[in-house]
Amino acid sequence: MIYAYLPDNPGGKPRPLPFHLAMEEHLARNYPDGEYFFMWQVEPTVIFGRCQNPFAEVNLDFCRREGIQTYRRKSGGGCVYADMNNIMFSHITSSAEVTTTFSRYCRMVADTLRQLGLDADTTGRNDVVIGDRKVSGNAFYHLHGRSIVHGTMLYDADLPRMSQAITPSQAKLRAKGVSSVRSHVTTIREHLPQLSIGDFKKFCRERLCDSVQEMTPDDISEISRIAREYFTDEWIWGRYGDREQSERRRIDGVGEFSVSTDLLPPPEPGMPPTIEKINLQGDFFLLSDLDEGLLDRLRGADFTREGIMDALATASPGDVIAGLTAGDFADLLLGASRHPAT
């Protein structure tokens, strides 16, 4: 694997998180041959998944008060907190098979930690654990025939600050068998206090990579251009309102969902209402376009299980949201809060 080396920012100040997300895109778009890996760190930042509502998932008042930056990424999954003691890993590959790509990458990270003598393994959808506690959470997305996998690596952590900055639901914590964020995570430093963060990064780079590609001034200029989108209010806040649309519901192995369904009145007495629009939020993993691949197919469908299943007869929800079946999706829509279209 090739290490994508990024020279330090002039002046030494860490680059903001969007720059590194844009660097992933740049490598995927413009370096089509080979597998790439790089590590990065940022000043205190919360990053939320592509379909998450930050007003429901992030303690925005606390973040503003503490100077914690907030950004949206293009991969699915849940919120993470990062600072200079948390190392972010990015991996870019040509593989198009999501399950294989994701599991291979997580195993690769766990194998690297085991080489340090740690009891590391993979678990659930996207976690690497030491013992029974999470040390790394990961997410993925596709871009122009390439797969991007990225995630956290908790060398050290300010757990009280992390716990205040992000607000996972109790359902998510119960699903993981824990009562709080603090009890769910661990750090490299907790297990290897003698290993500095610099030595840990050096070890990971040497074990995972066998060559180097240095980013040129032209590369950095293009990365900066791509990064502009991530700073816009439209991208960060998007279609999400200032409150959660419905009670969150969890589908085991798929993720957490919040659904708002706009319904049109029945065309005739005794007939069911029809679906006008669906807004879907959550920490699920997207595999393709949500609107085109799933939600748009339901416009005009009868708001009944039969109507929803008929509308999805030629679709495969699992090709859009990892692990989702048509039956589970129908149950989700019919059990969620809804309101007439205005």
Protein backbone atom coordinates (compact mmCIF):
# COMPACT_ATOMS: atom_id res chain seq x y z
CA MET A 1 0.00 0.00 0.00
CA ILE A 2 1.18 3.54 -0.81
CA TYR A 3 1.46 6.17 1.91
CA ALA A 4 0.10 9.53 0.72
CA TYR A 5 2.43 11.98 2.45
CA LEU A 6 1.11 15.50 3.06
CA PRO A 7 3.74 18.15 3.91
CA ASP A 8 3.01 20.21 7.00
CA ASN A 9 0.83 23.26 6.62
CA PRO A 10 2.96 26.44 6.42
CA GLY A 11 3.04 27.95 9.89
CA GLY A 12 2.46 24.57 11.52
CA LYS A 13 -1.27 25.00 12.22
CA PRO A 14 -3.23 21.77 11.62
CA ARG A 15 -5.38 21.81 8.53
CA PRO A 16 -9.16 21.68 9.16
CA LEU A 17 -11.00 18.41 8.76
CA PRO A 18 -12.56 19.19 5.34
CA PHE A 19 -9.09 19.40 3.81
CA HIS A 20 -8.38 15.77 4.67
CA LEU A 21 -11.77 14.58 3.41
CA ALA A 22 -11.02 16.43 0.17
CA MET A 23 -7.61 14.75 0.02
CA GLU A 24 -9.37 11.38 0.04
CA GLU A 25 -11.51 12.52 -2.88
CA HIS A 26 -8.48 13.85 -4.75
CA LEU A 27 -6.65 10.56 -4.41
CA ALA A 28 -9.74 8.62 -5.51
CA ARG A 29 -10.33 10.86 -8.53
CA ASN A 30 -6.78 11.49 -9.70
CA TYR A 31 -4.65 8.58 -8.45
CA PRO A 32 -6.57 5.60 -9.87
CA ASP A 33 -3.81 3.01 -9.61
CA GLY A 34 -2.92 1.32 -6.35
CA GLU A 35 -4.13 1.47 -2.77
CA TYR A 36 -3.43 4.55 -0.66
CA PHE A 37 -3.34 5.23 3.05
CA PHE A 38 -2.67 8.31 5.15
CA MET A 39 -3.08 9.52 8.73
CA TRP A 40 -4.16 12.94 9.96
CA GLN A 41 -5.07 14.89 13.06
CA VAL A 42 -7.28 17.92 13.63
CA GLU A 43 -8.11 20.42 16.32
CA PRO A 44 -11.28 19.55 18.32
CA THR A 45 -13.98 18.63 15.80
CA VAL A 46 -17.23 16.69 15.65
CA ILE A 47 -17.95 15.04 12.32
CA PHE A 48 -21.38 13.56 11.59
CA GLY A 49 -22.49 11.06 8.98
CA ARG A 50 -23.97 11.99 5.64
CA CYS A 51 -27.59 11.30 6.64
CA GLN A 52 -27.44 12.41 10.27
CA ASN A 53 -29.34 15.37 11.70
CA PRO A 54 -26.71 17.36 13.66
CA PHE A 55 -29.43 19.05 15.71
CA ALA A 56 -30.34 15.65 17.11
CA GLU A 57 -26.91 14.03 17.26
CA VAL A 58 -24.57 16.82 18.38
CA ASN A 59 -24.59 19.08 21.43
CA LEU A 60 -24.22 22.17 19.27
CA ASP A 61 -24.42 24.65 22.15
CA PHE A 62 -21.55 22.90 23.91
CA CYS A 63 -19.49 22.74 20.71
CA ARG A 64 -19.97 26.45 20.00
CA ARG A 65 -19.10 27.34 23.59
CA GLU A 66 -15.97 25.18 23.57
CA GLY A 67 -14.79 26.15 20.07
CA ILE A 68 -15.33 22.63 18.70
CA GLN A 69 -15.76 22.64 14.92
CA THR A 70 -18.62 20.67 13.29
CA TYR A 71 -18.61 19.19 9.78
CA ARG A 72 -20.48 16.62 7.69
CA ARG A 73 -18.72 13.84 5.82
CA LYS A 74 -19.86 11.94 2.71
CA SER A 75 -19.84 8.52 4.33
CA GLY A 76 -22.63 7.14 6.47
CA GLY A 77 -22.41 6.02 10.08
CA GLY A 78 -22.52 7.96 13.31
CA CYS A 79 -20.90 10.99 14.94
CA VAL A 80 -17.30 10.98 16.08
CA TYR A 81 -15.23 13.42 18.10
CA ALA A 82 -11.64 14.07 17.06
CA ASP A 83 -8.78 16.14 18.44
CA MET A 84 -4.98 16.10 18.27
CA ASN A 85 -4.84 12.96 20.43
CA ASN A 86 -7.11 11.08 18.04
CA ILE A 87 -5.52 9.84 14.81
CA MET A 88 -7.71 9.58 11.73
CA PHE A 89 -6.97 6.84 9.19
CA SER A 90 -7.92 7.08 5.49
CA HIS A 91 -7.77 4.24 2.96
CA ILE A 92 -8.51 4.49 -0.76
CA THR A 93 -8.85 1.40 -2.96
CA SER A 94 -10.29 0.30 -6.32
CA SER A 95 -12.39 -2.47 -4.81
CA ALA A 96 -16.13 -2.04 -5.47
CA GLU A 97 -17.38 -4.84 -3.17
CA VAL A 98 -18.43 -3.02 -0.03
CA THR A 99 -18.57 -5.86 2.49
CA THR A 100 -15.23 -7.30 1.39
CA THR A 101 -13.52 -3.90 1.26
CA PHE A 102 -14.79 -2.81 4.65
CA SER A 103 -14.08 -6.05 6.50
CA ARG A 104 -10.65 -6.37 4.90
CA TYR A 105 -9.69 -2.87 6.01
CA CYS A 106 -10.94 -3.35 9.58
CA ARG A 107 -9.08 -6.67 9.84
CA MET A 108 -5.95 -4.97 8.55
CA VAL A 109 -6.18 -2.34 11.31
CA ALA A 110 -6.86 -4.97 13.98
CA ASP A 111 -3.90 -7.04 12.74
CA THR A 112 -1.64 -3.99 13.06
CA LEU A 113 -2.73 -3.48 16.68
CA ARG A 114 -2.18 -7.15 17.46
CA GLN A 115 1.41 -6.76 16.28
CA LEU A 116 1.79 -4.35 19.20
CA GLY A 117 0.62 -7.08 21.55
CA LEU A 118 -2.90 -5.73 21.93
CA ASP A 119 -5.98 -7.95 22.16
CA ALA A 120 -7.56 -6.36 19.07
CA ASP A 121 -10.38 -7.65 16.90
CA THR A 122 -13.22 -6.46 14.67
CA THR A 123 -16.83 -6.36 15.80
CA GLY A 124 -20.26 -5.20 14.64
CA ARG A 125 -20.62 -3.14 11.49
CA ASN A 126 -17.56 -0.97 11.70
CA ASP A 127 -15.61 -1.15 14.96
CA VAL A 128 -12.16 -2.30 15.99
CA VAL A 129 -11.99 -3.20 19.66
CA ILE A 130 -9.37 -3.95 22.28
CA GLY A 131 -10.95 -6.53 24.54
CA ASP A 132 -14.59 -5.49 24.55
CA ARG A 133 -14.09 -1.74 24.16
CA LYS A 134 -13.97 0.32 20.96
CA VAL A 135 -10.71 1.93 19.88
CA SER A 136 -11.58 2.60 16.24
CA GLY A 137 -14.85 3.30 14.39
CA ASN A 138 -14.97 3.35 10.61
CA ALA A 139 -17.18 4.33 7.67
CA PHE A 140 -17.04 4.10 3.87
CA TYR A 141 -18.40 5.44 0.60
CA HIS A 142 -17.94 5.04 -3.14
CA LEU A 143 -16.59 7.64 -5.55
CA HIS A 144 -16.06 7.09 -9.28
CA GLY A 145 -15.34 3.38 -9.04
CA ARG A 146 -13.18 3.76 -5.96
CA SER A 147 -13.92 2.96 -2.33
CA ILE A 148 -12.94 5.27 0.53
CA VAL A 149 -12.76 3.85 4.05
CA HIS A 150 -11.90 6.16 6.93
CA GLY A 151 -12.09 6.11 10.68
CA THR A 152 -10.83 7.06 14.09
CA MET A 153 -7.95 5.62 16.05
CA LEU A 154 -8.09 6.66 19.71
CA TYR A 155 -4.49 7.01 20.77
CA ASP A 156 -5.78 9.08 23.71
CA ALA A 157 -9.10 10.77 24.43
CA ASP A 158 -10.70 13.51 26.48
CA LEU A 159 -13.66 11.30 27.37
CA PRO A 160 -15.65 13.89 29.37
CA ARG A 161 -15.45 16.32 26.46
CA MET A 162 -16.31 13.61 23.95
CA SER A 163 -19.32 12.58 26.02
CA GLN A 164 -20.63 16.14 26.12
CA ALA A 165 -20.02 16.91 22.45
CA ILE A 166 -21.94 13.99 20.92
CA THR A 167 -25.33 12.71 22.03
CA PRO A 168 -25.93 9.08 20.99
CA SER A 169 -29.39 7.76 21.73
CA GLN A 170 -29.98 5.38 24.61
CA ALA A 171 -31.21 2.82 22.07
CA LYS A 172 -27.81 2.84 20.38
CA LEU A 173 -26.00 2.46 23.69
CA ARG A 174 -28.32 -0.36 24.76
CA ALA A 175 -27.70 -2.12 21.44
CA LYS A 176 -23.99 -2.07 22.22
CA GLY A 177 -24.61 -3.23 25.80
CA VAL A 178 -23.19 -0.10 27.43
CA SER A 179 -24.61 2.76 29.48
CA SER A 180 -22.39 5.62 28.30
CA VAL A 181 -19.83 6.69 25.74
CA ARG A 182 -17.09 6.53 28.38
CA SER A 183 -17.72 2.89 29.23
CA HIS A 184 -17.74 1.93 25.56
CA VAL A 185 -14.29 3.15 24.44
CA THR A 186 -10.65 2.63 25.23
CA THR A 187 -7.37 4.12 23.98
CA ILE A 188 -3.97 2.93 22.79
CA ARG A 189 -2.31 4.92 25.56
CA GLU A 190 -4.36 3.15 28.23
CA HIS A 191 -2.78 -0.15 27.17
CA LEU A 192 0.65 1.06 26.00
CA PRO A 193 1.49 4.18 28.07
CA GLN A 194 5.17 3.98 27.10
CA LEU A 195 4.40 4.30 23.35
CA SER A 196 4.33 7.93 22.15
CA ILE A 197 1.82 9.06 19.56
CA GLY A 198 4.64 9.71 17.09
CA ASP A 199 6.06 6.20 17.54
CA PHE A 200 2.59 4.71 17.19
CA LYS A 201 2.02 6.53 13.88
CA LYS A 202 5.45 5.46 12.66
CA PHE A 203 4.67 1.83 13.55
CA CYS A 204 1.33 1.90 11.69
CA ARG A 205 2.86 3.49 8.61
CA GLU A 206 5.71 0.96 8.45
CA ARG A 207 3.38 -2.03 8.89
CA LEU A 208 0.71 -0.88 6.46
CA CYS A 209 2.69 0.83 3.67
CA ASP A 210 5.68 -0.03 1.50
CA SER A 211 6.08 3.15 -0.60
CA VAL A 212 5.35 6.89 -0.51
CA GLN A 213 3.53 9.37 -2.77
CA GLU A 214 4.15 12.95 -1.67
CA MET A 215 1.42 15.51 -2.32
CA THR A 216 2.75 18.27 -4.60
CA PRO A 217 1.79 21.97 -4.53
CA ASP A 218 -0.58 21.25 -7.45
CA ASP A 219 -2.15 18.42 -5.44
CA ILE A 220 -2.61 20.70 -2.44
CA SER A 221 -4.19 23.39 -4.59
CA GLU A 222 -6.71 20.92 -6.04
CA ILE A 223 -7.46 19.49 -2.58
CA SER A 224 -8.18 23.00 -1.30
CA ARG A 225 -10.60 23.53 -4.19
CA ILE A 226 -12.48 20.29 -3.46
CA ALA A 227 -12.63 21.16 0.25
CA ARG A 228 -14.72 24.31 -0.33
CA GLU A 229 -17.94 22.28 -0.55
CA TYR A 230 -17.45 20.88 2.95
CA PHE A 231 -17.40 24.39 4.46
CA THR A 232 -20.74 25.51 3.00
CA ASP A 233 -23.85 25.79 5.15
CA GLU A 234 -25.79 23.93 2.46
CA TRP A 235 -23.57 20.86 2.85
CA ILE A 236 -23.18 20.99 6.64
CA TRP A 237 -26.83 21.59 7.55
CA GLY A 238 -28.49 20.51 4.30
CA ARG A 239 -32.12 19.48 4.39
CA TYR A 240 -32.09 18.86 8.12
CA GLY A 241 -34.23 21.06 10.33
CA ASP A 242 -33.51 22.27 13.81
CA ARG A 243 -35.25 19.34 15.42
CA GLU A 244 -35.48 15.59 14.94
CA GLN A 245 -38.25 14.53 12.59
CA SER A 246 -39.49 11.51 14.55
CA GLU A 247 -38.61 9.11 17.30
CA ARG A 248 -35.44 7.22 16.47
CA ARG A 249 -35.84 3.53 15.73
CA ARG A 250 -33.09 0.95 15.42
CA ILE A 251 -32.78 -1.99 13.02
CA ASP A 252 -30.18 -4.43 14.33
CA GLY A 253 -27.20 -4.75 12.03
CA VAL A 254 -28.34 -1.81 9.88
CA GLY A 255 -28.42 1.28 12.09
CA GLU A 256 -30.63 3.92 13.61
CA PHE A 257 -33.35 5.73 11.65
CA SER A 258 -35.55 8.78 12.00
CA VAL A 259 -38.31 9.08 9.40
CA SER A 260 -40.68 11.85 8.37
CA THR A 261 -43.35 10.88 5.83
CA ASP A 262 -45.51 13.47 4.08
CA LEU A 263 -48.84 11.95 3.02
CA LEU A 264 -51.41 13.09 0.48
CA PRO A 265 -55.09 12.67 1.42
CA PRO A 266 -56.88 9.56 0.07
CA PRO A 267 -58.21 10.15 -3.47
CA GLU A 268 -61.54 8.64 -2.43
CA PRO A 269 -63.22 7.76 0.88
CA GLY A 270 -62.13 4.37 2.16
CA MET A 271 -58.85 4.41 0.24
CA PRO A 272 -55.40 4.78 1.90
CA PRO A 273 -53.36 7.98 1.75
CA THR A 274 -50.45 8.07 -0.66
CA ILE A 275 -46.82 8.96 -0.06
CA GLU A 276 -45.82 12.45 -1.18
CA LYS A 277 -42.29 12.66 0.28
CA ILE A 278 -40.02 10.83 2.73
CA ASN A 279 -37.14 12.32 4.71
CA LEU A 280 -34.82 9.66 6.12
CA GLN A 281 -32.13 10.38 8.69
CA GLY A 282 -29.78 8.13 10.62
CA ASP A 283 -26.39 6.53 11.07
CA PHE A 284 -26.89 3.81 8.43
CA PHE A 285 -24.31 3.17 5.71
CA LEU A 286 -25.23 4.40 2.23
CA LEU A 287 -24.09 2.32 -0.74
CA SER A 288 -25.69 4.42 -3.50
CA ASP A 289 -27.93 7.44 -4.02
CA LEU A 290 -30.69 7.43 -1.37
CA ASP A 291 -33.30 9.43 -3.29
CA GLU A 292 -32.90 7.86 -6.72
CA GLY A 293 -32.31 4.34 -5.45
CA LEU A 294 -35.02 4.20 -2.78
CA LEU A 295 -37.08 7.19 -1.66
CA ASP A 296 -38.19 8.48 -5.08
CA ARG A 297 -39.61 5.02 -5.90
CA LEU A 298 -42.16 5.46 -3.12
CA ARG A 299 -43.67 8.73 -4.34
CA GLY A 300 -47.36 8.11 -5.07
CA ALA A 301 -47.39 4.66 -3.46
CA ASP A 302 -50.28 3.70 -1.18
CA PHE A 303 -49.29 4.11 2.44
CA THR A 304 -49.89 0.46 3.26
CA ARG A 305 -47.51 -2.45 3.57
CA GLU A 306 -48.76 -3.86 0.27
CA GLY A 307 -48.37 -0.50 -1.46
CA ILE A 308 -44.83 -0.02 -0.16
CA MET A 309 -43.77 -3.56 -1.06
CA ASP A 310 -45.23 -3.18 -4.57
CA ALA A 311 -43.30 0.07 -5.07
CA LEU A 312 -40.09 -1.68 -4.01
CA ALA A 313 -40.69 -4.78 -6.14
CA THR A 314 -37.99 -3.75 -8.63
CA ALA A 315 -35.68 -2.21 -6.03
CA SER A 316 -33.26 -3.69 -3.54
CA PRO A 317 -33.05 -1.56 -0.37
CA GLY A 318 -29.90 -3.47 0.62
CA ASP A 319 -28.16 -2.05 -2.47
CA VAL A 320 -28.81 1.46 -1.14
CA ILE A 321 -28.54 1.04 2.64
CA ALA A 322 -26.25 -1.74 3.84
CA GLY A 323 -28.20 -4.63 5.36
CA LEU A 324 -31.70 -3.16 4.86
CA THR A 325 -34.51 -5.44 3.61
CA ALA A 326 -37.74 -4.32 1.94
CA GLY A 327 -39.78 -5.78 4.79
CA ASP A 328 -37.81 -3.96 7.47
CA PHE A 329 -38.07 -0.73 5.50
CA ALA A 330 -41.84 -1.07 5.16
CA ASP A 331 -42.16 -1.71 8.90
CA LEU A 332 -39.97 1.31 9.58
CA LEU A 333 -42.12 3.63 7.44
CA LEU A 334 -45.44 2.38 8.79
CA GLY A 335 -44.26 2.63 12.39
CA ALA A 336 -42.75 6.11 12.12
CA SER A 337 -44.46 9.42 12.80
CA ARG A 338 -46.04 11.02 9.74
CA HIS A 339 -48.13 14.00 8.79
CA PRO A 340 -50.23 15.22 5.85
CA ALA A 341 -48.43 17.17 3.15
CA THR A 342 -49.16 20.87 3.13
